[in-house]
Amino acid sequence: MSPEAPAPLQLVVGDEALLVERAVARAVAAARDADPAVEVSHVPAGELTAGTLGELVSPSLFAESRVVVVENGHDAGAEVTTLLLDYAKAPSDGVTLIVVHRGPPKGGKGRRPAKGKEAAKPKGDALLEGLRSAGANEASAASLSDDQRADFVRTEIRQAGGKITGEALGLLMDAVGSDLRELAAAASQLASDSGGHVDADAVRRFHRGRAEVTGFAVAEKAITGDRLGAVEELRWALETGVPHVLLADALADAVRTVARVSAAGRGDPYAMASALKMPPWKVRKAQGQARGWGAEGLTQAMGVVADLNADVKGAAADPAYAIEHAVELVVAARGSLRR
């Protein structure tokens, strides 16, 4: 039995680049399964005209199927929106139309128009709503929460034939950050290098062996009061070319996380996670790091990282020195009077 033809109208909604690419790639792969000779075209919504669309979706002389990917659908003006929605009412046989749209503006939901006036739809929103009403098959590529990113990493490692421990997951996400492309690459490499069992030691080895070291190790040691270890890691990071801004951001994130968790008091990390908008593993880790910190010290450290942010963005003549000095001050603040 030949593979089923893909849906003629498809929407990819969201702004997470890797998820957008994967959703489009899946749709194109499904079309290729149905017809290996499928012709694939990409066109930005801002460049689409009636003539271009007509040419892309017109029946092929050789009866070949087609995939038309309209990128940046949120940029579609009124004319392009009308063209696409008119086409959606009667799609051409053998053509799959995929529209990529970043979705409605963040915070735009629930806003009311001024009294006596109709709400003006943001550019591109009419296209999104119209394609949904036309029954387009929709795939989400929206930005992920911390918990969803953790699930994403677990899935990536599982698909690569591996399994990751909870501690290793926390270390990996701290070290790599929130970029899904980097997380996916790291997960794949770790699953391969570790023979499928990804534990904390495997993550540490992996990151020590990478040229692009992150600020994670520096922040981890500074926040726990390991002055010598923090300075050593910092100098190594600078030596290997880690951007000053990333080192400053890592230190600031560590300080702010401990301050927020400390202010919330003791409790079950799973119960606290929702209120703090953090994954449970991050709350649990910060609870351990908060030991030895007092209110006065955290206030001092918050001031240090705020100043550092300005320093690495041009205020300091020597940003490398500014970061090392900030690390020293954070370590010293940890020993300040506890209250």
C-alpha atoms as a PDB file:
ATOM      1  CA  MET A   1       0.000   0.000   0.000  1.00  0.00           C
ATOM      2  CA  SER A   2       1.429   3.419  -0.952  1.00  0.00           C
ATOM      3  CA  PRO A   3       1.870   6.016   1.834  1.00  0.00           C
ATOM      4  CA  GLU A   4      -1.086   8.316   2.429  1.00  0.00           C
ATOM      5  CA  ALA A   5      -0.795  11.783   0.865  1.00  0.00           C
ATOM      6  CA  PRO A   6      -0.095  14.527   3.444  1.00  0.00           C
ATOM      7  CA  ALA A   7      -2.778  17.051   4.419  1.00  0.00           C
ATOM      8  CA  PRO A   8      -3.074  19.778   1.752  1.00  0.00           C
ATOM      9  CA  LEU A   9      -3.028  22.626   4.317  1.00  0.00           C
ATOM     10  CA  GLN A  10      -0.498  22.661   7.145  1.00  0.00           C
ATOM     11  CA  LEU A  11       0.422  25.226   9.778  1.00  0.00           C
ATOM     12  CA  VAL A  12       3.619  25.372  11.832  1.00  0.00           C
ATOM     13  CA  VAL A  13       3.035  27.804  14.689  1.00  0.00           C
ATOM     14  CA  GLY A  14       5.760  29.075  17.015  1.00  0.00           C
ATOM     15  CA  ASP A  15       9.123  30.802  17.174  1.00  0.00           C
ATOM     16  CA  GLU A  16      11.420  28.010  18.409  1.00  0.00           C
ATOM     17  CA  ALA A  17      13.712  27.708  15.370  1.00  0.00           C
ATOM     18  CA  LEU A  18      14.693  24.053  15.810  1.00  0.00           C
ATOM     19  CA  LEU A  19      11.084  22.944  16.335  1.00  0.00           C
ATOM     20  CA  VAL A  20       9.998  24.942  13.272  1.00  0.00           C
ATOM     21  CA  GLU A  21      12.690  23.277  11.149  1.00  0.00           C
ATOM     22  CA  ARG A  22      11.759  19.815  12.406  1.00  0.00           C
ATOM     23  CA  ALA A  23       8.027  20.323  11.844  1.00  0.00           C
ATOM     24  CA  VAL A  24       8.614  21.509   8.265  1.00  0.00           C
ATOM     25  CA  ALA A  25      11.069  18.666   7.666  1.00  0.00           C
ATOM     26  CA  ARG A  26       8.498  16.104   8.902  1.00  0.00           C
ATOM     27  CA  ALA A  27       5.847  17.499   6.586  1.00  0.00           C
ATOM     28  CA  VAL A  28       8.234  17.465   3.607  1.00  0.00           C
ATOM     29  CA  ALA A  29       9.352  13.907   4.476  1.00  0.00           C
ATOM     30  CA  ALA A  30       5.705  12.761   4.549  1.00  0.00           C
ATOM     31  CA  ALA A  31       5.192  14.268   1.092  1.00  0.00           C
ATOM     32  CA  ARG A  32       8.356  12.532  -0.173  1.00  0.00           C
ATOM     33  CA  ASP A  33       7.148   9.211   1.228  1.00  0.00           C
ATOM     34  CA  ALA A  34       3.987   9.611  -0.826  1.00  0.00           C
ATOM     35  CA  ASP A  35       5.893  10.811  -3.913  1.00  0.00           C
ATOM     36  CA  PRO A  36       9.724  10.644  -3.990  1.00  0.00           C
ATOM     37  CA  ALA A  37       9.739  13.075  -6.959  1.00  0.00           C
ATOM     38  CA  VAL A  38       7.896  15.813  -5.021  1.00  0.00           C
ATOM     39  CA  GLU A  39       9.010  19.349  -5.845  1.00  0.00           C
ATOM     40  CA  VAL A  40       9.664  21.547  -2.781  1.00  0.00           C
ATOM     41  CA  SER A  41       9.608  25.368  -2.890  1.00  0.00           C
ATOM     42  CA  HIS A  42      10.198  27.936  -0.132  1.00  0.00           C
ATOM     43  CA  VAL A  43       8.944  31.511  -0.367  1.00  0.00           C
ATOM     44  CA  PRO A  44       8.772  34.272   2.311  1.00  0.00           C
ATOM     45  CA  ALA A  45       5.246  35.633   2.808  1.00  0.00           C
ATOM     46  CA  GLY A  46       6.562  39.148   2.209  1.00  0.00           C
ATOM     47  CA  GLU A  47       7.641  38.188  -1.337  1.00  0.00           C
ATOM     48  CA  LEU A  48       4.485  36.323  -2.303  1.00  0.00           C
ATOM     49  CA  THR A  49       2.319  37.687  -5.142  1.00  0.00           C
ATOM     50  CA  ALA A  50      -0.723  36.363  -6.952  1.00  0.00           C
ATOM     51  CA  GLY A  51       1.485  35.362  -9.888  1.00  0.00           C
ATOM     52  CA  THR A  52       4.054  33.603  -7.688  1.00  0.00           C
ATOM     53  CA  LEU A  53       1.428  31.681  -5.746  1.00  0.00           C
ATOM     54  CA  GLY A  54      -0.413  30.711  -8.901  1.00  0.00           C
ATOM     55  CA  GLU A  55       2.786  29.356 -10.431  1.00  0.00           C
ATOM     56  CA  LEU A  56       3.734  27.416  -7.286  1.00  0.00           C
ATOM     57  CA  VAL A  57       0.373  25.704  -6.807  1.00  0.00           C
ATOM     58  CA  SER A  58      -0.599  25.142 -10.445  1.00  0.00           C
ATOM     59  CA  PRO A  59      -0.775  21.498 -11.620  1.00  0.00           C
ATOM     60  CA  SER A  60       2.546  20.134 -12.842  1.00  0.00           C
ATOM     61  CA  LEU A  61       2.872  19.125 -16.516  1.00  0.00           C
ATOM     62  CA  PHE A  62       4.398  15.846 -15.354  1.00  0.00           C
ATOM     63  CA  ALA A  63       1.806  15.236 -12.622  1.00  0.00           C
ATOM     64  CA  GLU A  64       4.464  15.641  -9.923  1.00  0.00           C
ATOM     65  CA  SER A  65       3.275  16.594  -6.460  1.00  0.00           C
ATOM     66  CA  ARG A  66       4.453  19.800  -4.834  1.00  0.00           C
ATOM     67  CA  VAL A  67       5.196  21.206  -1.387  1.00  0.00           C
ATOM     68  CA  VAL A  68       5.050  24.983  -0.997  1.00  0.00           C
ATOM     69  CA  VAL A  69       6.498  26.330   2.259  1.00  0.00           C
ATOM     70  CA  VAL A  70       5.410  29.901   3.006  1.00  0.00           C
ATOM     71  CA  GLU A  71       7.853  31.288   5.569  1.00  0.00           C
ATOM     72  CA  ASN A  72       7.163  34.142   8.016  1.00  0.00           C
ATOM     73  CA  GLY A  73       3.402  33.970   7.569  1.00  0.00           C
ATOM     74  CA  HIS A  74       3.086  36.565  10.365  1.00  0.00           C
ATOM     75  CA  ASP A  75       4.492  39.126   7.876  1.00  0.00           C
ATOM     76  CA  ALA A  76       1.646  38.571   5.420  1.00  0.00           C
ATOM     77  CA  GLY A  77      -0.205  41.750   4.502  1.00  0.00           C
ATOM     78  CA  ALA A  78      -3.894  41.987   3.616  1.00  0.00           C
ATOM     79  CA  GLU A  79      -3.396  41.095  -0.061  1.00  0.00           C
ATOM     80  CA  VAL A  80      -1.268  37.988   0.601  1.00  0.00           C
ATOM     81  CA  THR A  81      -3.626  36.902   3.391  1.00  0.00           C
ATOM     82  CA  THR A  82      -6.577  37.098   0.976  1.00  0.00           C
ATOM     83  CA  LEU A  83      -4.658  35.127  -1.672  1.00  0.00           C
ATOM     84  CA  LEU A  84      -3.750  32.338   0.738  1.00  0.00           C
ATOM     85  CA  LEU A  85      -7.184  32.106   2.342  1.00  0.00           C
ATOM     86  CA  ASP A  86      -8.895  32.038  -1.057  1.00  0.00           C
ATOM     87  CA  TYR A  87      -6.548  29.213  -2.056  1.00  0.00           C
ATOM     88  CA  ALA A  88      -7.294  27.385   1.216  1.00  0.00           C
ATOM     89  CA  LYS A  89     -10.973  27.171   0.236  1.00  0.00           C
ATOM     90  CA  ALA A  90     -10.076  24.976  -2.757  1.00  0.00           C
ATOM     91  CA  PRO A  91      -6.529  23.570  -2.506  1.00  0.00           C
ATOM     92  CA  SER A  92      -4.977  22.093  -5.651  1.00  0.00           C
ATOM     93  CA  ASP A  93      -4.675  18.322  -5.932  1.00  0.00           C
ATOM     94  CA  GLY A  94      -1.171  17.041  -5.259  1.00  0.00           C
ATOM     95  CA  VAL A  95      -0.067  20.251  -3.518  1.00  0.00           C
ATOM     96  CA  THR A  96       0.822  20.578   0.154  1.00  0.00           C
ATOM     97  CA  LEU A  97       0.832  24.178   1.420  1.00  0.00           C
ATOM     98  CA  ILE A  98       2.812  24.677   4.652  1.00  0.00           C
ATOM     99  CA  VAL A  99       2.560  28.095   6.311  1.00  0.00           C
ATOM    100  CA  VAL A 100       5.082  28.927   9.039  1.00  0.00           C
ATOM    101  CA  HIS A 101       3.759  31.503  11.521  1.00  0.00           C
ATOM    102  CA  ARG A 102       5.293  32.611  14.805  1.00  0.00           C
ATOM    103  CA  GLY A 103       1.852  32.833  16.411  1.00  0.00           C
ATOM    104  CA  PRO A 104      -0.022  35.719  18.075  1.00  0.00           C
ATOM    105  CA  PRO A 105       2.069  38.388  19.850  1.00  0.00           C
ATOM    106  CA  LYS A 106       3.063  37.462  23.405  1.00  0.00           C
ATOM    107  CA  GLY A 107       0.755  39.121  25.874  1.00  0.00           C
ATOM    108  CA  GLY A 108      -1.724  39.916  23.121  1.00  0.00           C
ATOM    109  CA  LYS A 109      -4.305  37.434  24.337  1.00  0.00           C
ATOM    110  CA  GLY A 110      -7.217  38.815  26.245  1.00  0.00           C
ATOM    111  CA  ARG A 111      -6.673  42.497  25.401  1.00  0.00           C
ATOM    112  CA  ARG A 112      -9.903  44.396  24.804  1.00  0.00           C
ATOM    113  CA  PRO A 113     -10.430  47.089  22.187  1.00  0.00           C
ATOM    114  CA  ALA A 114     -11.200  50.645  23.239  1.00  0.00           C
ATOM    115  CA  LYS A 115     -14.890  51.280  23.877  1.00  0.00           C
ATOM    116  CA  GLY A 116     -16.847  51.717  20.678  1.00  0.00           C
ATOM    117  CA  LYS A 117     -13.956  50.534  18.491  1.00  0.00           C
ATOM    118  CA  GLU A 118     -13.174  47.244  16.841  1.00  0.00           C
ATOM    119  CA  ALA A 119      -9.894  45.599  17.728  1.00  0.00           C
ATOM    120  CA  ALA A 120      -7.392  45.810  14.878  1.00  0.00           C
ATOM    121  CA  LYS A 121      -5.862  42.413  14.247  1.00  0.00           C
ATOM    122  CA  PRO A 122      -2.058  42.417  14.312  1.00  0.00           C
ATOM    123  CA  LYS A 123      -0.432  41.830  10.917  1.00  0.00           C
ATOM    124  CA  GLY A 124      -0.608  38.164   9.985  1.00  0.00           C
ATOM    125  CA  ASP A 125      -3.137  37.157  12.653  1.00  0.00           C
ATOM    126  CA  ALA A 126      -6.011  37.014  10.156  1.00  0.00           C
ATOM    127  CA  LEU A 127      -4.022  34.459   8.149  1.00  0.00           C
ATOM    128  CA  LEU A 128      -3.423  32.312  11.217  1.00  0.00           C
ATOM    129  CA  GLU A 129      -7.094  32.337  12.226  1.00  0.00           C
ATOM    130  CA  GLY A 130      -8.277  31.836   8.654  1.00  0.00           C
ATOM    131  CA  LEU A 131      -6.085  28.772   8.048  1.00  0.00           C
ATOM    132  CA  ARG A 132      -7.210  27.278  11.343  1.00  0.00           C
ATOM    133  CA  SER A 133     -10.829  27.824  10.331  1.00  0.00           C
ATOM    134  CA  ALA A 134     -10.066  26.180   6.978  1.00  0.00           C
ATOM    135  CA  GLY A 135      -9.012  23.027   8.858  1.00  0.00           C
ATOM    136  CA  ALA A 136      -5.239  23.243   8.422  1.00  0.00           C
ATOM    137  CA  ASN A 137      -3.265  20.495  10.116  1.00  0.00           C
ATOM    138  CA  GLU A 138      -1.332  22.344  12.886  1.00  0.00           C
ATOM    139  CA  ALA A 139       2.049  21.584  14.472  1.00  0.00           C
ATOM    140  CA  SER A 140       3.301  23.535  17.465  1.00  0.00           C
ATOM    141  CA  ALA A 141       6.806  25.001  17.504  1.00  0.00           C
ATOM    142  CA  ALA A 142       6.256  27.311  20.474  1.00  0.00           C
ATOM    143  CA  SER A 143       8.987  28.180  22.978  1.00  0.00           C
ATOM    144  CA  LEU A 144       9.286  25.589  25.738  1.00  0.00           C
ATOM    145  CA  SER A 145       9.162  26.064  29.490  1.00  0.00           C
ATOM    146  CA  ASP A 146      12.035  24.771  31.645  1.00  0.00           C
ATOM    147  CA  ASP A 147      10.091  21.573  32.386  1.00  0.00           C
ATOM    148  CA  GLN A 148       9.355  21.051  28.702  1.00  0.00           C
ATOM    149  CA  ARG A 149      13.030  21.581  27.819  1.00  0.00           C
ATOM    150  CA  ALA A 150      13.941  18.943  30.384  1.00  0.00           C
ATOM    151  CA  ASP A 151      11.442  16.558  28.734  1.00  0.00           C
ATOM    152  CA  PHE A 152      12.914  17.503  25.352  1.00  0.00           C
ATOM    153  CA  VAL A 153      16.420  16.507  26.501  1.00  0.00           C
ATOM    154  CA  ARG A 154      15.165  13.206  27.941  1.00  0.00           C
ATOM    155  CA  THR A 155      13.416  12.437  24.655  1.00  0.00           C
ATOM    156  CA  GLU A 156      16.490  13.331  22.583  1.00  0.00           C
ATOM    157  CA  ILE A 157      18.674  11.022  24.669  1.00  0.00           C
ATOM    158  CA  ARG A 158      16.075   8.240  24.619  1.00  0.00           C
ATOM    159  CA  GLN A 159      15.794   8.481  20.827  1.00  0.00           C
ATOM    160  CA  ALA A 160      19.589   8.231  20.632  1.00  0.00           C
ATOM    161  CA  GLY A 161      19.366   4.970  22.606  1.00  0.00           C
ATOM    162  CA  GLY A 162      20.317   6.343  26.005  1.00  0.00           C
ATOM    163  CA  LYS A 163      18.998   7.297  29.404  1.00  0.00           C
ATOM    164  CA  ILE A 164      19.908  10.287  31.601  1.00  0.00           C
ATOM    165  CA  THR A 165      19.898  10.599  35.393  1.00  0.00           C
ATOM    166  CA  GLY A 166      18.141  13.483  37.148  1.00  0.00           C
ATOM    167  CA  GLU A 167      21.418  14.988  38.392  1.00  0.00           C
ATOM    168  CA  ALA A 168      22.976  14.768  34.927  1.00  0.00           C
ATOM    169  CA  LEU A 169      19.924  16.446  33.397  1.00  0.00           C
ATOM    170  CA  GLY A 170      20.247  19.392  35.775  1.00  0.00           C
ATOM    171  CA  LEU A 171      23.971  19.732  35.100  1.00  0.00           C
ATOM    172  CA  LEU A 172      23.466  19.570  31.350  1.00  0.00           C
ATOM    173  CA  MET A 173      20.746  22.213  31.293  1.00  0.00           C
ATOM    174  CA  ASP A 174      22.763  24.502  33.557  1.00  0.00           C
ATOM    175  CA  ALA A 175      25.847  24.065  31.399  1.00  0.00           C
ATOM    176  CA  VAL A 176      24.268  24.389  27.964  1.00  0.00           C
ATOM    177  CA  GLY A 177      21.471  26.838  28.700  1.00  0.00           C
ATOM    178  CA  SER A 178      18.097  27.107  26.989  1.00  0.00           C
ATOM    179  CA  ASP A 179      19.071  26.866  23.309  1.00  0.00           C
ATOM    180  CA  LEU A 180      17.292  23.777  21.934  1.00  0.00           C
ATOM    181  CA  ARG A 181      19.746  23.282  19.095  1.00  0.00           C
ATOM    182  CA  GLU A 182      22.677  23.134  21.528  1.00  0.00           C
ATOM    183  CA  LEU A 183      20.728  20.900  23.907  1.00  0.00           C
ATOM    184  CA  ALA A 184      19.876  18.498  21.080  1.00  0.00           C
ATOM    185  CA  ALA A 185      23.504  18.352  19.908  1.00  0.00           C
ATOM    186  CA  ALA A 186      24.799  17.814  23.452  1.00  0.00           C
ATOM    187  CA  ALA A 187      22.196  15.109  24.158  1.00  0.00           C
ATOM    188  CA  SER A 188      23.102  13.202  21.004  1.00  0.00           C
ATOM    189  CA  GLN A 189      26.830  13.428  21.689  1.00  0.00           C
ATOM    190  CA  LEU A 190      26.477  12.396  25.330  1.00  0.00           C
ATOM    191  CA  ALA A 191      24.317   9.381  24.479  1.00  0.00           C
ATOM    192  CA  SER A 192      26.959   8.286  21.971  1.00  0.00           C
ATOM    193  CA  ASP A 193      30.004   8.958  24.166  1.00  0.00           C
ATOM    194  CA  SER A 194      28.590   7.373  27.316  1.00  0.00           C
ATOM    195  CA  GLY A 195      27.348   4.142  25.762  1.00  0.00           C
ATOM    196  CA  GLY A 196      23.768   5.136  26.539  1.00  0.00           C
ATOM    197  CA  HIS A 197      24.117   5.779  30.289  1.00  0.00           C
ATOM    198  CA  VAL A 198      24.344   9.533  30.812  1.00  0.00           C
ATOM    199  CA  ASP A 199      25.224  10.378  34.414  1.00  0.00           C
ATOM    200  CA  ALA A 200      26.670  13.471  36.106  1.00  0.00           C
ATOM    201  CA  ASP A 201      30.265  12.357  35.496  1.00  0.00           C
ATOM    202  CA  ALA A 202      29.559  11.932  31.770  1.00  0.00           C
ATOM    203  CA  VAL A 203      28.189  15.484  31.573  1.00  0.00           C
ATOM    204  CA  ARG A 204      31.211  16.898  33.426  1.00  0.00           C
ATOM    205  CA  ARG A 205      33.637  15.040  31.170  1.00  0.00           C
ATOM    206  CA  PHE A 206      31.782  16.187  28.082  1.00  0.00           C
ATOM    207  CA  HIS A 207      31.913  19.849  29.050  1.00  0.00           C
ATOM    208  CA  ARG A 208      35.509  19.758  30.180  1.00  0.00           C
ATOM    209  CA  GLY A 209      36.399  18.406  26.755  1.00  0.00           C
ATOM    210  CA  ARG A 210      34.539  21.069  24.818  1.00  0.00           C
ATOM    211  CA  ALA A 211      36.335  24.158  23.545  1.00  0.00           C
ATOM    212  CA  GLU A 212      33.259  26.287  24.135  1.00  0.00           C
ATOM    213  CA  VAL A 213      33.094  26.009  27.937  1.00  0.00           C
ATOM    214  CA  THR A 214      30.101  27.739  29.529  1.00  0.00           C
ATOM    215  CA  GLY A 215      29.955  29.928  32.637  1.00  0.00           C
ATOM    216  CA  PHE A 216      28.149  27.167  34.556  1.00  0.00           C
ATOM    217  CA  ALA A 217      31.229  25.842  36.396  1.00  0.00           C
ATOM    218  CA  VAL A 218      32.333  29.353  37.389  1.00  0.00           C
ATOM    219  CA  ALA A 219      28.926  30.281  38.806  1.00  0.00           C
ATOM    220  CA  GLU A 220      28.536  26.908  40.556  1.00  0.00           C
ATOM    221  CA  LYS A 221      31.805  27.292  42.451  1.00  0.00           C
ATOM    222  CA  ALA A 222      31.341  30.984  43.240  1.00  0.00           C
ATOM    223  CA  ILE A 223      27.837  30.509  44.665  1.00  0.00           C
ATOM    224  CA  THR A 224      29.030  27.677  46.916  1.00  0.00           C
ATOM    225  CA  GLY A 225      32.008  29.701  48.206  1.00  0.00           C
ATOM    226  CA  ASP A 226      34.808  27.858  46.378  1.00  0.00           C
ATOM    227  CA  ARG A 227      36.967  30.891  45.592  1.00  0.00           C
ATOM    228  CA  LEU A 228      40.018  29.082  44.203  1.00  0.00           C
ATOM    229  CA  GLY A 229      37.891  26.731  42.103  1.00  0.00           C
ATOM    230  CA  ALA A 230      35.787  29.605  40.728  1.00  0.00           C
ATOM    231  CA  VAL A 231      38.830  31.676  39.742  1.00  0.00           C
ATOM    232  CA  GLU A 232      40.494  28.643  38.137  1.00  0.00           C
ATOM    233  CA  GLU A 233      37.372  27.817  36.102  1.00  0.00           C
ATOM    234  CA  LEU A 234      36.965  31.477  35.146  1.00  0.00           C
ATOM    235  CA  ARG A 235      40.508  31.795  33.842  1.00  0.00           C
ATOM    236  CA  TRP A 236      40.104  28.582  31.845  1.00  0.00           C
ATOM    237  CA  ALA A 237      36.811  29.843  30.392  1.00  0.00           C
ATOM    238  CA  LEU A 238      38.414  33.140  29.394  1.00  0.00           C
ATOM    239  CA  GLU A 239      41.379  31.280  27.924  1.00  0.00           C
ATOM    240  CA  THR A 240      39.077  29.202  25.723  1.00  0.00           C
ATOM    241  CA  GLY A 241      37.161  32.239  24.488  1.00  0.00           C
ATOM    242  CA  VAL A 242      33.879  32.169  26.402  1.00  0.00           C
ATOM    243  CA  PRO A 243      32.202  35.575  25.839  1.00  0.00           C
ATOM    244  CA  HIS A 244      32.287  37.895  28.851  1.00  0.00           C
ATOM    245  CA  VAL A 245      28.528  38.453  28.632  1.00  0.00           C
ATOM    246  CA  LEU A 246      27.791  34.716  28.965  1.00  0.00           C
ATOM    247  CA  LEU A 247      30.023  34.418  32.039  1.00  0.00           C
ATOM    248  CA  ALA A 248      28.337  37.430  33.631  1.00  0.00           C
ATOM    249  CA  ASP A 249      24.862  36.053  32.810  1.00  0.00           C
ATOM    250  CA  ALA A 250      25.684  32.666  34.352  1.00  0.00           C
ATOM    251  CA  LEU A 251      26.883  34.277  37.586  1.00  0.00           C
ATOM    252  CA  ALA A 252      23.836  36.555  37.729  1.00  0.00           C
ATOM    253  CA  ASP A 253      21.443  33.659  37.125  1.00  0.00           C
ATOM    254  CA  ALA A 254      23.032  31.619  39.923  1.00  0.00           C
ATOM    255  CA  VAL A 255      22.799  34.494  42.410  1.00  0.00           C
ATOM    256  CA  ARG A 256      19.209  35.383  41.486  1.00  0.00           C
ATOM    257  CA  THR A 257      18.069  31.763  41.622  1.00  0.00           C
ATOM    258  CA  VAL A 258      19.504  31.261  45.117  1.00  0.00           C
ATOM    259  CA  ALA A 259      17.980  34.579  46.238  1.00  0.00           C
ATOM    260  CA  ARG A 260      14.515  33.631  44.969  1.00  0.00           C
ATOM    261  CA  VAL A 261      14.586  30.141  46.462  1.00  0.00           C
ATOM    262  CA  SER A 262      16.004  31.414  49.747  1.00  0.00           C
ATOM    263  CA  ALA A 263      13.256  34.056  50.013  1.00  0.00           C
ATOM    264  CA  ALA A 264      10.601  31.387  49.414  1.00  0.00           C
ATOM    265  CA  GLY A 265      11.723  29.475  52.509  1.00  0.00           C
ATOM    266  CA  ARG A 266      12.083  25.743  52.961  1.00  0.00           C
ATOM    267  CA  GLY A 267       9.675  23.321  51.422  1.00  0.00           C
ATOM    268  CA  ASP A 268       9.098  20.541  48.941  1.00  0.00           C
ATOM    269  CA  PRO A 269      10.844  21.462  45.639  1.00  0.00           C
ATOM    270  CA  TYR A 270       7.954  19.992  43.659  1.00  0.00           C
ATOM    271  CA  ALA A 271       5.410  22.089  45.565  1.00  0.00           C
ATOM    272  CA  MET A 272       7.559  25.241  45.254  1.00  0.00           C
ATOM    273  CA  ALA A 273       8.424  24.805  41.577  1.00  0.00           C
ATOM    274  CA  SER A 274       5.134  26.131  40.219  1.00  0.00           C
ATOM    275  CA  ALA A 275       5.137  29.320  42.330  1.00  0.00           C
ATOM    276  CA  LEU A 276       8.795  30.009  41.523  1.00  0.00           C
ATOM    277  CA  LYS A 277       8.357  29.132  37.823  1.00  0.00           C
ATOM    278  CA  MET A 278      11.379  26.827  37.965  1.00  0.00           C
ATOM    279  CA  PRO A 279      11.740  23.079  37.395  1.00  0.00           C
ATOM    280  CA  PRO A 280      11.879  21.051  40.655  1.00  0.00           C
ATOM    281  CA  TRP A 281      15.507  19.974  40.087  1.00  0.00           C
ATOM    282  CA  LYS A 282      16.568  23.624  39.919  1.00  0.00           C
ATOM    283  CA  VAL A 283      14.712  24.474  43.132  1.00  0.00           C
ATOM    284  CA  ARG A 284      16.266  21.496  44.916  1.00  0.00           C
ATOM    285  CA  LYS A 285      19.742  22.437  43.729  1.00  0.00           C
ATOM    286  CA  ALA A 286      19.316  26.078  44.780  1.00  0.00           C
ATOM    287  CA  GLN A 287      18.106  24.971  48.212  1.00  0.00           C
ATOM    288  CA  GLY A 288      21.434  23.199  48.699  1.00  0.00           C
ATOM    289  CA  GLN A 289      23.395  26.191  47.392  1.00  0.00           C
ATOM    290  CA  ALA A 290      21.476  28.577  49.678  1.00  0.00           C
ATOM    291  CA  ARG A 291      23.055  27.034  52.760  1.00  0.00           C
ATOM    292  CA  GLY A 292      25.644  29.476  54.056  1.00  0.00           C
ATOM    293  CA  TRP A 293      23.929  32.477  52.504  1.00  0.00           C
ATOM    294  CA  GLY A 294      22.174  35.178  54.508  1.00  0.00           C
ATOM    295  CA  ALA A 295      19.878  38.016  53.488  1.00  0.00           C
ATOM    296  CA  GLU A 296      22.654  40.627  53.713  1.00  0.00           C
ATOM    297  CA  GLY A 297      25.061  38.576  51.639  1.00  0.00           C
ATOM    298  CA  LEU A 298      22.471  37.916  48.936  1.00  0.00           C
ATOM    299  CA  THR A 299      21.648  41.633  48.746  1.00  0.00           C
ATOM    300  CA  GLN A 300      25.358  42.379  48.282  1.00  0.00           C
ATOM    301  CA  ALA A 301      25.717  39.668  45.628  1.00  0.00           C
ATOM    302  CA  MET A 302      22.667  40.962  43.726  1.00  0.00           C
ATOM    303  CA  GLY A 303      24.302  44.403  43.608  1.00  0.00           C
ATOM    304  CA  VAL A 304      27.581  42.870  42.375  1.00  0.00           C
ATOM    305  CA  VAL A 305      25.978  41.026  39.440  1.00  0.00           C
ATOM    306  CA  ALA A 306      23.899  44.085  38.511  1.00  0.00           C
ATOM    307  CA  ASP A 307      27.093  46.169  38.293  1.00  0.00           C
ATOM    308  CA  LEU A 308      28.835  43.382  36.391  1.00  0.00           C
ATOM    309  CA  ASN A 309      26.112  43.399  33.741  1.00  0.00           C
ATOM    310  CA  ALA A 310      26.976  47.027  32.932  1.00  0.00           C
ATOM    311  CA  ASP A 311      30.718  46.348  33.141  1.00  0.00           C
ATOM    312  CA  VAL A 312      30.750  43.597  30.519  1.00  0.00           C
ATOM    313  CA  LYS A 313      28.574  45.678  28.182  1.00  0.00           C
ATOM    314  CA  GLY A 314      31.085  48.492  27.947  1.00  0.00           C
ATOM    315  CA  ALA A 315      31.297  50.249  31.311  1.00  0.00           C
ATOM    316  CA  ALA A 316      34.550  48.523  32.345  1.00  0.00           C
ATOM    317  CA  ALA A 317      37.885  49.093  30.618  1.00  0.00           C
ATOM    318  CA  ASP A 318      38.836  45.447  31.276  1.00  0.00           C
ATOM    319  CA  PRO A 319      35.767  43.148  31.345  1.00  0.00           C
ATOM    320  CA  ALA A 320      37.872  40.066  32.200  1.00  0.00           C
ATOM    321  CA  TYR A 321      39.164  41.772  35.339  1.00  0.00           C
ATOM    322  CA  ALA A 322      35.630  42.973  36.150  1.00  0.00           C
ATOM    323  CA  ILE A 323      34.331  39.388  36.038  1.00  0.00           C
ATOM    324  CA  GLU A 324      37.120  38.031  38.250  1.00  0.00           C
ATOM    325  CA  HIS A 325      36.579  40.863  40.740  1.00  0.00           C
ATOM    326  CA  ALA A 326      32.827  40.126  40.753  1.00  0.00           C
ATOM    327  CA  VAL A 327      33.489  36.431  41.422  1.00  0.00           C
ATOM    328  CA  GLU A 328      35.689  37.389  44.395  1.00  0.00           C
ATOM    329  CA  LEU A 329      32.979  39.711  45.735  1.00  0.00           C
ATOM    330  CA  VAL A 330      30.243  37.070  45.382  1.00  0.00           C
ATOM    331  CA  VAL A 331      32.360  34.524  47.263  1.00  0.00           C
ATOM    332  CA  ALA A 332      33.052  37.109  49.984  1.00  0.00           C
ATOM    333  CA  ALA A 333      29.350  38.017  50.203  1.00  0.00           C
ATOM    334  CA  ARG A 334      28.514  34.404  50.987  1.00  0.00           C
ATOM    335  CA  GLY A 335      30.398  34.781  54.245  1.00  0.00           C
ATOM    336  CA  SER A 336      28.536  37.941  55.251  1.00  0.00           C
ATOM    337  CA  LEU A 337      26.445  38.098  58.415  1.00  0.00           C
ATOM    338  CA  ARG A 338      23.435  35.779  58.187  1.00  0.00           C
ATOM    339  CA  ARG A 339      20.029  37.021  59.292  1.00  0.00           C
END
